[in-house]
């Protein structure tokens, strides 16, 4: 029997304690303000205490708690430095580790899913896990043909624990809102719940990973491990070494940061164009820097792991994104507004000033306005504060915009990737990647279009 269901009562109790603690701190904060302390100082202290409890609880649990923590962790760039600083190490730990599953449980899953003679499939198998995630853990081994492999074993009862945690978290998502300024927590949790069945299906994950592995075979910049074997609750892929991106964030050189940032942006936009799939779990634990890039052993490539959550985009990213971004950069306020209305970003019952919409968008797309842009935590915090301050015009306008369901995952992945770029402090030639990979960003050459019509 899994440790996850057996400890369901304990898990629920820990998660249930979160809103009680938050409510208690809110009362404490109110009292501090009554006695004359600065609202801003009290607010930051309250935010810091909330972060401390939240990350402590999430760090102790697997399942949905850890999944939520990983999703939240990429947004730590938006937190004030005095809040983010002390918990950066805890967030990194969340991205890379969790309490291990007992060896007997691992063997029981392998017996059931690979057969009692599963040992014969491996020349070596390490019982001690090499890594852990929200719904499974990874063991290192050597396949019978001599290849080094990663064996991902799903926690029994993981689906039940995942849904239970996310349901519990959603009940008090409103209280967690102030933790990440400008971010609505509830839709994030709802979207994670929608993806549960997909993430539990290692067959779908194997298909998505193999599609990427085949497309990026011999690619000079991006490495995706090949799938070796797959069955229910067990996925065997080629092993990949390298430096976890979380280590680059904490200790990497500026050269490594810039290279990682450039390749992360390249993968974000080239992946859908080349495979029709969007890797939708871009937290640092899923990426590695590997030596041996185009310039030789001293250059770097990006290794990509974990394809359990993907968005299926057969035509690549929607051309609307590239078109609206290009027209915004060109100052075409009316055309941008019309396109946003047509796509459902502005509901029919709402009427907005196109120039005000332009003023809202321009600071967000600043990285695409220049040849290269340095992503920083300060820039991220400024953006978050701008859209989170009720006194700000951006806040008032943002409340009236709508995010169509088909764009929800794309939006989160893009924001998450930008969050990681800010954690890296990377200088990135983003416009270069947009011009190469984003449909609609570069206008079609009318001459080419006429020739195509003539040939038809």
Protein backbone atom coordinates (compact mmCIF):
# COMPACT_ATOMS: atom_id res chain seq x y z
CA UNK A 1 0.00 0.00 0.00
CA UNK A 2 1.25 3.50 -0.84
CA UNK A 3 2.31 5.97 1.80
CA UNK A 4 0.18 8.60 0.08
CA UNK A 5 -3.35 7.24 0.80
CA UNK A 6 -2.32 5.91 4.21
CA UNK A 7 -1.34 9.38 5.29
CA UNK A 8 -4.38 11.08 3.77
CA UNK A 9 -5.64 12.28 7.15
CA UNK A 10 -2.24 13.74 8.01
CA UNK A 11 -1.99 15.42 4.59
CA UNK A 12 -5.46 16.93 4.90
CA UNK A 13 -4.70 18.19 8.40
CA UNK A 14 -1.48 19.89 7.25
CA UNK A 15 -3.18 21.56 4.29
CA UNK A 16 -6.22 22.52 6.37
CA UNK A 17 -3.94 24.27 8.85
CA UNK A 18 -2.73 26.68 6.16
CA UNK A 19 -5.84 28.91 5.96
CA UNK A 20 -6.14 28.96 9.75
CA UNK A 21 -2.59 30.19 10.03
CA UNK A 22 -3.10 32.75 7.26
CA UNK A 23 -6.29 34.03 8.87
CA UNK A 24 -4.52 34.30 12.22
CA UNK A 25 -1.68 36.30 10.68
CA UNK A 26 -4.19 38.59 8.94
CA UNK A 27 -5.72 39.37 12.36
CA UNK A 28 -2.22 39.95 13.74
CA UNK A 29 -1.50 42.32 10.85
CA UNK A 30 -4.71 44.25 11.45
CA UNK A 31 -3.71 44.68 15.08
CA UNK A 32 -0.26 45.95 14.09
CA UNK A 33 -1.84 48.58 11.83
CA UNK A 34 -4.19 49.72 14.61
CA UNK A 35 -1.18 50.56 16.76
CA UNK A 36 0.25 52.70 13.99
CA UNK A 37 2.74 50.59 12.07
CA UNK A 38 3.13 51.23 8.32
CA UNK A 39 0.62 49.29 6.22
CA UNK A 40 3.34 48.53 3.65
CA UNK A 41 5.75 47.14 6.25
CA UNK A 42 3.03 45.11 7.92
CA UNK A 43 1.89 43.80 4.52
CA UNK A 44 5.38 42.62 3.64
CA UNK A 45 5.89 40.99 7.02
CA UNK A 46 2.52 39.25 6.64
CA UNK A 47 3.52 38.09 3.15
CA UNK A 48 6.81 36.75 4.48
CA UNK A 49 5.15 34.80 7.30
CA UNK A 50 2.57 33.36 4.89
CA UNK A 51 5.32 32.28 2.46
CA UNK A 52 7.23 30.63 5.31
CA UNK A 53 4.29 28.44 6.33
CA UNK A 54 3.17 27.69 2.77
CA UNK A 55 6.54 26.51 1.53
CA UNK A 56 7.19 24.52 4.71
CA UNK A 57 3.95 22.54 4.29
CA UNK A 58 4.28 22.07 0.54
CA UNK A 59 7.88 20.92 0.93
CA UNK A 60 6.77 18.09 3.22
CA UNK A 61 4.16 16.65 0.84
CA UNK A 62 4.08 14.98 -2.57
CA UNK A 63 0.98 14.87 -4.74
CA UNK A 64 -0.93 18.01 -5.60
CA UNK A 65 0.76 20.03 -2.87
CA UNK A 66 4.13 19.58 -4.49
CA UNK A 67 2.68 20.08 -7.99
CA UNK A 68 1.17 23.38 -6.85
CA UNK A 69 4.43 24.34 -5.19
CA UNK A 70 6.39 23.67 -8.38
CA UNK A 71 3.94 25.72 -10.43
CA UNK A 72 4.13 28.54 -7.89
CA UNK A 73 7.90 28.41 -7.55
CA UNK A 74 8.62 29.86 -10.98
CA UNK A 75 6.81 33.04 -9.93
CA UNK A 76 9.05 33.75 -6.95
CA UNK A 77 10.73 36.42 -9.12
CA UNK A 78 7.63 38.56 -8.53
CA UNK A 79 8.01 38.51 -4.74
CA UNK A 80 9.77 41.33 -2.86
CA UNK A 81 13.40 40.39 -2.32
CA UNK A 82 13.04 40.31 1.48
CA UNK A 83 10.31 37.69 1.03
CA UNK A 84 11.82 35.73 -1.86
CA UNK A 85 15.39 35.62 -0.58
CA UNK A 86 14.97 33.37 2.48
CA UNK A 87 12.74 30.90 0.63
CA UNK A 88 14.63 30.58 -2.64
CA UNK A 89 16.50 27.56 -1.27
CA UNK A 90 13.21 25.97 -0.15
CA UNK A 91 11.70 26.53 -3.59
CA UNK A 92 14.72 24.99 -5.28
CA UNK A 93 14.37 21.98 -3.02
CA UNK A 94 10.71 21.72 -4.02
CA UNK A 95 11.74 21.67 -7.68
CA UNK A 96 14.29 18.91 -7.21
CA UNK A 97 13.30 16.60 -4.36
CA UNK A 98 10.63 14.98 -2.20
CA UNK A 99 10.62 12.29 0.52
CA UNK A 100 11.41 8.93 -1.17
CA UNK A 101 8.98 6.05 -1.68
CA UNK A 102 9.98 2.90 0.28
CA UNK A 103 12.02 0.37 -1.71
CA UNK A 104 9.45 -2.37 -1.09
CA UNK A 105 6.76 -0.18 -2.71
CA UNK A 106 8.97 0.49 -5.75
CA UNK A 107 9.63 -3.24 -6.19
CA UNK A 108 5.93 -4.03 -5.81
CA UNK A 109 5.05 -1.60 -8.63
CA UNK A 110 7.78 -3.04 -10.86
CA UNK A 111 6.63 -6.60 -10.10
CA UNK A 112 3.08 -5.68 -11.08
CA UNK A 113 3.83 -3.57 -14.15
CA UNK A 114 6.97 -5.19 -15.63
CA UNK A 115 6.50 -8.73 -14.33
CA UNK A 116 8.19 -10.58 -11.49
CA UNK A 117 11.27 -11.11 -13.66
CA UNK A 118 11.76 -7.35 -14.13
CA UNK A 119 15.33 -7.58 -12.77
CA UNK A 120 16.30 -9.39 -15.99
CA UNK A 121 15.46 -6.24 -17.98
CA UNK A 122 18.28 -4.40 -16.23
CA UNK A 123 22.01 -4.98 -15.92
CA UNK A 124 21.87 -2.61 -12.93
CA UNK A 125 19.07 -0.95 -10.94
CA UNK A 126 19.61 1.50 -8.07
CA UNK A 127 17.04 1.19 -5.30
CA UNK A 128 17.87 4.64 -3.97
CA UNK A 129 15.92 7.21 -6.03
CA UNK A 130 17.92 9.72 -8.05
CA UNK A 131 15.09 12.28 -8.11
CA UNK A 132 11.47 12.70 -7.05
CA UNK A 133 8.53 14.59 -8.47
CA UNK A 134 4.89 15.19 -7.56
CA UNK A 135 3.50 11.83 -8.76
CA UNK A 136 6.53 9.58 -9.07
CA UNK A 137 10.24 9.12 -8.48
CA UNK A 138 13.18 8.33 -10.74
CA UNK A 139 15.70 5.52 -10.32
CA UNK A 140 18.94 5.18 -12.21
CA UNK A 141 19.69 1.91 -13.98
CA UNK A 142 21.38 0.19 -16.92
CA UNK A 143 19.05 -1.41 -19.48
CA UNK A 144 19.79 -4.91 -20.73
CA UNK A 145 21.31 -3.45 -23.94
CA UNK A 146 23.84 -1.40 -21.94
CA UNK A 147 22.12 1.98 -22.13
CA UNK A 148 22.01 4.08 -18.96
CA UNK A 149 18.36 4.73 -18.19
CA UNK A 150 16.03 6.70 -15.93
CA UNK A 151 13.17 4.58 -14.54
CA UNK A 152 10.20 6.68 -13.47
CA UNK A 153 7.90 4.82 -11.07
CA UNK A 154 4.52 6.32 -10.23
CA UNK A 155 3.43 6.46 -6.60
CA UNK A 156 0.48 4.08 -6.02
CA UNK A 157 -2.53 6.23 -5.21
CA UNK A 158 -0.88 9.30 -6.73
CA UNK A 159 -4.01 10.36 -8.63
CA UNK A 160 -6.16 10.27 -5.49
CA UNK A 161 -3.60 12.27 -3.51
CA UNK A 162 -3.14 14.77 -6.35
CA UNK A 163 -6.85 15.54 -6.63
CA UNK A 164 -7.39 15.59 -2.88
CA UNK A 165 -4.59 18.11 -2.34
CA UNK A 166 -5.70 20.37 -5.20
CA UNK A 167 -9.32 20.31 -4.00
CA UNK A 168 -8.14 21.27 -0.52
CA UNK A 169 -5.89 24.05 -1.87
CA UNK A 170 -8.65 25.46 -4.08
CA UNK A 171 -10.90 25.95 -1.06
CA UNK A 172 -8.65 28.67 0.31
CA UNK A 173 -6.95 29.89 -2.90
CA UNK A 174 -8.28 33.41 -2.30
CA UNK A 175 -6.19 33.64 0.89
CA UNK A 176 -3.04 32.74 -1.03
CA UNK A 177 -3.62 35.47 -3.65
CA UNK A 178 -1.50 38.17 -1.97
CA UNK A 179 1.51 35.84 -1.97
CA UNK A 180 2.17 36.39 -5.70
CA UNK A 181 1.08 39.91 -6.71
CA UNK A 182 -0.99 40.09 -9.87
CA UNK A 183 -1.65 36.36 -10.04
CA UNK A 184 -5.02 34.71 -9.57
CA UNK A 185 -4.30 31.41 -7.80
CA UNK A 186 -7.69 29.75 -8.35
CA UNK A 187 -7.44 29.31 -12.17
CA UNK A 188 -3.93 27.90 -11.72
CA UNK A 189 -5.23 25.21 -9.34
CA UNK A 190 -8.25 24.52 -11.60
CA UNK A 191 -5.96 24.02 -14.58
CA UNK A 192 -3.68 21.68 -12.60
CA UNK A 193 -6.77 19.62 -11.70
CA UNK A 194 -7.80 19.46 -15.36
CA UNK A 195 -4.41 17.99 -16.22
CA UNK A 196 -4.33 15.28 -13.55
CA UNK A 197 -5.57 12.36 -15.68
CA UNK A 198 -3.22 13.30 -18.50
CA UNK A 199 -0.19 13.50 -16.24
CA UNK A 200 -0.97 10.13 -14.65
CA UNK A 201 -1.01 8.48 -18.10
CA UNK A 202 2.59 7.46 -18.81
CA UNK A 203 1.49 6.26 -22.25
CA UNK A 204 0.64 9.83 -23.28
CA UNK A 205 3.85 11.08 -21.71
CA UNK A 206 5.89 8.51 -23.64
CA UNK A 207 4.27 9.58 -26.92
CA UNK A 208 4.96 13.27 -26.27
CA UNK A 209 8.55 12.64 -25.20
CA UNK A 210 9.31 10.37 -28.15
CA UNK A 211 7.86 12.93 -30.59
CA UNK A 212 10.26 15.53 -29.18
CA UNK A 213 13.18 13.09 -29.03
CA UNK A 214 12.79 12.22 -32.71
CA UNK A 215 12.34 15.85 -33.80
CA UNK A 216 15.36 17.07 -31.83
CA UNK A 217 17.66 14.16 -32.71
CA UNK A 218 21.07 15.66 -33.68
CA UNK A 219 19.81 19.16 -32.81
CA UNK A 220 22.84 21.27 -31.83
CA UNK A 221 20.99 23.11 -29.05
CA UNK A 222 18.31 20.89 -27.48
CA UNK A 223 18.54 17.30 -26.17
CA UNK A 224 15.52 15.12 -25.33
CA UNK A 225 16.09 11.54 -24.03
CA UNK A 226 14.64 8.69 -26.10
CA UNK A 227 11.89 6.51 -24.64
CA UNK A 228 13.19 2.98 -23.95
CA UNK A 229 10.13 1.23 -22.47
CA UNK A 230 6.70 2.18 -21.12
CA UNK A 231 3.92 0.48 -19.19
CA UNK A 232 1.25 1.62 -16.71
CA UNK A 233 2.97 3.47 -13.85
CA UNK A 234 6.48 2.85 -15.22
CA UNK A 235 8.38 4.87 -17.84
CA UNK A 236 11.95 4.03 -18.86
CA UNK A 237 13.93 6.64 -20.81
CA UNK A 238 17.56 7.26 -21.63
CA UNK A 239 19.48 8.77 -18.73
CA UNK A 240 20.59 12.39 -19.03
CA UNK A 241 23.31 13.99 -16.92
CA UNK A 242 23.97 17.72 -16.87
CA UNK A 243 23.64 20.64 -14.48
CA UNK A 244 20.07 21.21 -13.21
CA UNK A 245 18.80 24.67 -14.07
CA UNK A 246 18.11 25.23 -10.37
CA UNK A 247 21.89 25.05 -9.80
CA UNK A 248 22.53 27.50 -12.63
CA UNK A 249 20.03 29.87 -10.98
CA UNK A 250 21.83 29.64 -7.63
CA UNK A 251 25.49 29.32 -8.68
CA UNK A 252 25.87 29.54 -12.48
CA UNK A 253 28.19 31.89 -14.34
CA UNK A 254 26.66 34.72 -16.36
CA UNK A 255 27.68 32.89 -19.53
CA UNK A 256 25.76 29.80 -18.40
CA UNK A 257 22.75 31.92 -17.40
CA UNK A 258 22.62 33.66 -20.75
CA UNK A 259 23.01 30.43 -22.72
CA UNK A 260 20.36 28.65 -20.63
CA UNK A 261 17.99 31.59 -21.06
CA UNK A 262 18.48 31.76 -24.81
CA UNK A 263 17.90 28.03 -25.25
CA UNK A 264 14.88 28.05 -22.93
CA UNK A 265 13.28 30.80 -25.03
CA UNK A 266 14.20 28.90 -28.20
CA UNK A 267 12.61 25.69 -26.93
CA UNK A 268 9.46 27.52 -25.78
CA UNK A 269 8.77 28.85 -29.28
CA UNK A 270 10.40 26.21 -31.52
CA UNK A 271 8.86 23.18 -29.76
CA UNK A 272 5.26 23.82 -30.87
CA UNK A 273 6.39 24.81 -34.37
CA UNK A 274 8.41 21.60 -34.79
CA UNK A 275 6.32 19.03 -32.90
CA UNK A 276 2.81 20.49 -32.56
CA UNK A 277 3.24 20.13 -28.79
CA UNK A 278 3.96 22.67 -26.05
CA UNK A 279 5.98 21.43 -23.05
CA UNK A 280 3.73 22.75 -20.29
CA UNK A 281 5.75 22.22 -17.10
CA UNK A 282 8.64 24.68 -17.37
CA UNK A 283 9.99 24.68 -13.83
CA UNK A 284 13.80 24.54 -13.43
CA UNK A 285 13.82 20.92 -12.23
CA UNK A 286 12.85 19.83 -15.76
CA UNK A 287 15.88 21.33 -17.52
CA UNK A 288 19.61 20.64 -17.62
CA UNK A 289 22.65 22.33 -19.14
CA UNK A 290 24.86 19.82 -20.98
CA UNK A 291 28.31 20.42 -22.50
CA UNK A 292 28.91 19.98 -26.21
CA UNK A 293 26.98 22.77 -27.91
CA UNK A 294 27.65 24.09 -31.44
CA UNK A 295 30.94 25.72 -30.36
CA UNK A 296 32.34 22.51 -28.82
CA UNK A 297 32.71 21.05 -25.33
CA UNK A 298 32.92 24.51 -23.76
CA UNK A 299 29.52 25.39 -25.20
CA UNK A 300 26.19 24.30 -23.75
CA UNK A 301 23.03 22.52 -24.85
CA UNK A 302 19.65 22.42 -23.11
CA UNK A 303 18.40 19.06 -21.87
CA UNK A 304 14.62 18.78 -21.45
CA UNK A 305 12.79 16.30 -19.18
CA UNK A 306 9.23 15.42 -18.11
CA UNK A 307 6.62 15.56 -20.86
CA UNK A 308 3.73 14.55 -18.58
CA UNK A 309 1.94 17.83 -19.23
CA UNK A 310 1.76 19.12 -22.81
CA UNK A 311 -0.59 21.31 -24.80
CA UNK A 312 -1.48 19.85 -28.19
CA UNK A 313 -1.11 22.55 -30.85
CA UNK A 314 -1.16 20.83 -34.28
CA UNK A 315 -0.56 24.13 -36.09
CA UNK A 316 1.99 25.42 -33.59
CA UNK A 317 1.30 28.46 -31.42
CA UNK A 318 -1.75 30.43 -32.63
CA UNK A 319 -0.84 33.05 -35.24
CA UNK A 320 -3.01 35.53 -33.30
CA UNK A 321 -0.26 35.76 -30.67
CA UNK A 322 2.41 36.70 -33.20
CA UNK A 323 0.12 39.05 -35.12
CA UNK A 324 -1.07 40.95 -32.04
CA UNK A 325 2.49 41.17 -30.69
CA UNK A 326 3.80 42.54 -34.02
CA UNK A 327 0.98 45.08 -34.35
CA UNK A 328 1.46 46.22 -30.74
CA UNK A 329 5.15 46.84 -31.43
CA UNK A 330 4.13 48.78 -34.55
CA UNK A 331 1.71 50.93 -32.53
CA UNK A 332 -1.43 49.73 -34.34
CA UNK A 333 -3.78 50.20 -31.40
CA UNK A 334 -7.07 49.87 -33.31
CA UNK A 335 -5.98 46.73 -35.16
CA UNK A 336 -4.72 45.10 -31.95
CA UNK A 337 -7.97 45.88 -30.17
CA UNK A 338 -10.06 44.43 -33.03
CA UNK A 339 -8.00 41.24 -32.99
CA UNK A 340 -8.32 40.86 -29.21
CA UNK A 341 -12.08 41.33 -29.49
CA UNK A 342 -12.33 38.77 -32.30
CA UNK A 343 -10.40 36.19 -30.27
CA UNK A 344 -12.45 36.70 -27.10
CA UNK A 345 -9.84 38.53 -25.00
CA UNK A 346 -12.36 41.35 -24.77
CA UNK A 347 -15.94 40.17 -24.18
CA UNK A 348 -18.74 41.56 -26.34
CA UNK A 349 -20.31 43.29 -23.34
CA UNK A 350 -17.08 45.22 -22.60
CA UNK A 351 -15.84 48.32 -24.43
CA UNK A 352 -12.29 49.52 -23.86
CA UNK A 353 -10.12 52.34 -25.17
CA UNK A 354 -7.66 50.83 -27.72
CA UNK A 355 -4.92 53.25 -26.62
CA UNK A 356 -5.43 52.21 -22.98
CA UNK A 357 -5.09 48.56 -24.03
CA UNK A 358 -1.86 49.50 -25.81
CA UNK A 359 -0.54 51.22 -22.67
CA UNK A 360 -1.36 48.03 -20.71
CA UNK A 361 0.47 45.73 -23.17
CA UNK A 362 3.62 47.69 -24.03
CA UNK A 363 5.51 47.25 -20.72
CA UNK A 364 4.78 43.51 -20.77
CA UNK A 365 6.26 43.05 -24.26
CA UNK A 366 9.33 45.19 -23.58
CA UNK A 367 11.66 42.15 -24.09
CA UNK A 368 10.46 41.89 -27.73
CA UNK A 369 11.05 45.57 -28.47
CA UNK A 370 14.83 45.39 -28.37
CA UNK A 371 17.54 43.26 -29.93
CA UNK A 372 18.43 41.73 -26.56
CA UNK A 373 16.87 42.04 -23.12
CA UNK A 374 18.13 41.26 -19.62
CA UNK A 375 15.42 39.57 -17.57
CA UNK A 376 15.67 40.47 -13.88
CA UNK A 377 13.69 39.85 -10.72
CA UNK A 378 13.31 43.63 -10.40
CA UNK A 379 11.65 43.85 -13.82
CA UNK A 380 9.32 40.98 -12.92
CA UNK A 381 8.41 42.60 -9.59
CA UNK A 382 7.65 45.90 -11.32
CA UNK A 383 5.34 44.15 -13.81
CA UNK A 384 3.58 42.27 -11.02
CA UNK A 385 3.16 45.41 -8.92
CA UNK A 386 1.80 47.36 -11.90
CA UNK A 387 -1.04 44.92 -12.56
CA UNK A 388 -1.68 44.15 -8.86
CA UNK A 389 -2.04 47.67 -7.47
CA UNK A 390 -5.78 48.56 -7.33
CA UNK A 391 -4.81 52.22 -7.82
CA UNK A 392 -3.09 51.43 -11.11
CA UNK A 393 -4.85 51.94 -14.48
CA UNK A 394 -3.29 48.63 -15.53
CA UNK A 395 -5.08 46.87 -12.66
CA UNK A 396 -8.44 48.37 -13.61
CA UNK A 397 -8.02 47.48 -17.28
CA UNK A 398 -6.66 44.01 -16.58
CA UNK A 399 -9.79 43.14 -14.60
CA UNK A 400 -11.86 43.73 -17.75
CA UNK A 401 -9.80 41.50 -20.03
CA UNK A 402 -10.69 37.85 -20.54
CA UNK A 403 -8.45 34.83 -21.11
CA UNK A 404 -10.10 32.36 -23.54
CA UNK A 405 -9.75 28.71 -22.40
CA UNK A 406 -7.67 27.75 -25.46
CA UNK A 407 -5.01 30.27 -24.41
CA UNK A 408 -4.95 29.41 -20.69
CA UNK A 409 -2.11 26.88 -20.76
CA UNK A 410 -0.10 28.87 -23.33
CA UNK A 411 -0.41 31.92 -21.09
CA UNK A 412 0.75 30.06 -17.98
CA UNK A 413 3.68 28.41 -19.76
CA UNK A 414 4.82 31.74 -21.20
CA UNK A 415 4.58 33.47 -17.80
CA UNK A 416 6.36 30.56 -16.11
CA UNK A 417 9.18 30.63 -18.66
CA UNK A 418 9.58 34.38 -18.20
CA UNK A 419 9.70 33.73 -14.45
CA UNK A 420 12.58 31.28 -14.94
CA UNK A 421 14.40 33.73 -17.24
CA UNK A 422 14.14 36.32 -14.45
CA UNK A 423 15.44 33.81 -11.90
CA UNK A 424 18.40 33.22 -14.23
CA UNK A 425 18.98 36.94 -14.75
CA UNK A 426 19.65 36.01 -18.38
CA UNK A 427 20.32 38.35 -21.28
CA UNK A 428 18.31 36.91 -24.19
CA UNK A 429 17.82 37.78 -27.85
CA UNK A 430 14.09 37.09 -27.60
CA UNK A 431 13.10 38.94 -30.76
CA UNK A 432 15.39 36.65 -32.75
CA UNK A 433 13.47 33.59 -31.52
CA UNK A 434 10.09 35.22 -32.20
CA UNK A 435 11.09 36.04 -35.76
CA UNK A 436 12.27 32.49 -36.34
CA UNK A 437 9.48 30.48 -34.69
CA UNK A 438 6.36 32.47 -33.76
CA UNK A 439 3.64 32.31 -36.47
CA UNK A 440 2.32 35.73 -37.45
CA UNK A 441 5.17 37.73 -35.89
CA UNK A 442 6.85 38.34 -39.23
CA UNK A 443 4.32 39.53 -41.84
CA UNK A 444 3.99 37.33 -44.88
CA UNK A 445 5.78 38.64 -47.96
CA UNK A 446 2.96 39.65 -50.36
CA UNK A 447 5.22 38.79 -53.31
CA UNK A 448 5.58 35.22 -52.02
CA UNK A 449 1.84 35.04 -51.48
CA UNK A 450 1.13 36.19 -55.04
CA UNK A 451 3.60 33.65 -56.45
CA UNK A 452 1.91 30.89 -54.46
CA UNK A 453 -1.50 31.91 -55.84
CA UNK A 454 -0.12 32.04 -59.39
CA UNK A 455 1.41 28.57 -59.06
CA UNK A 456 -1.88 27.22 -57.73
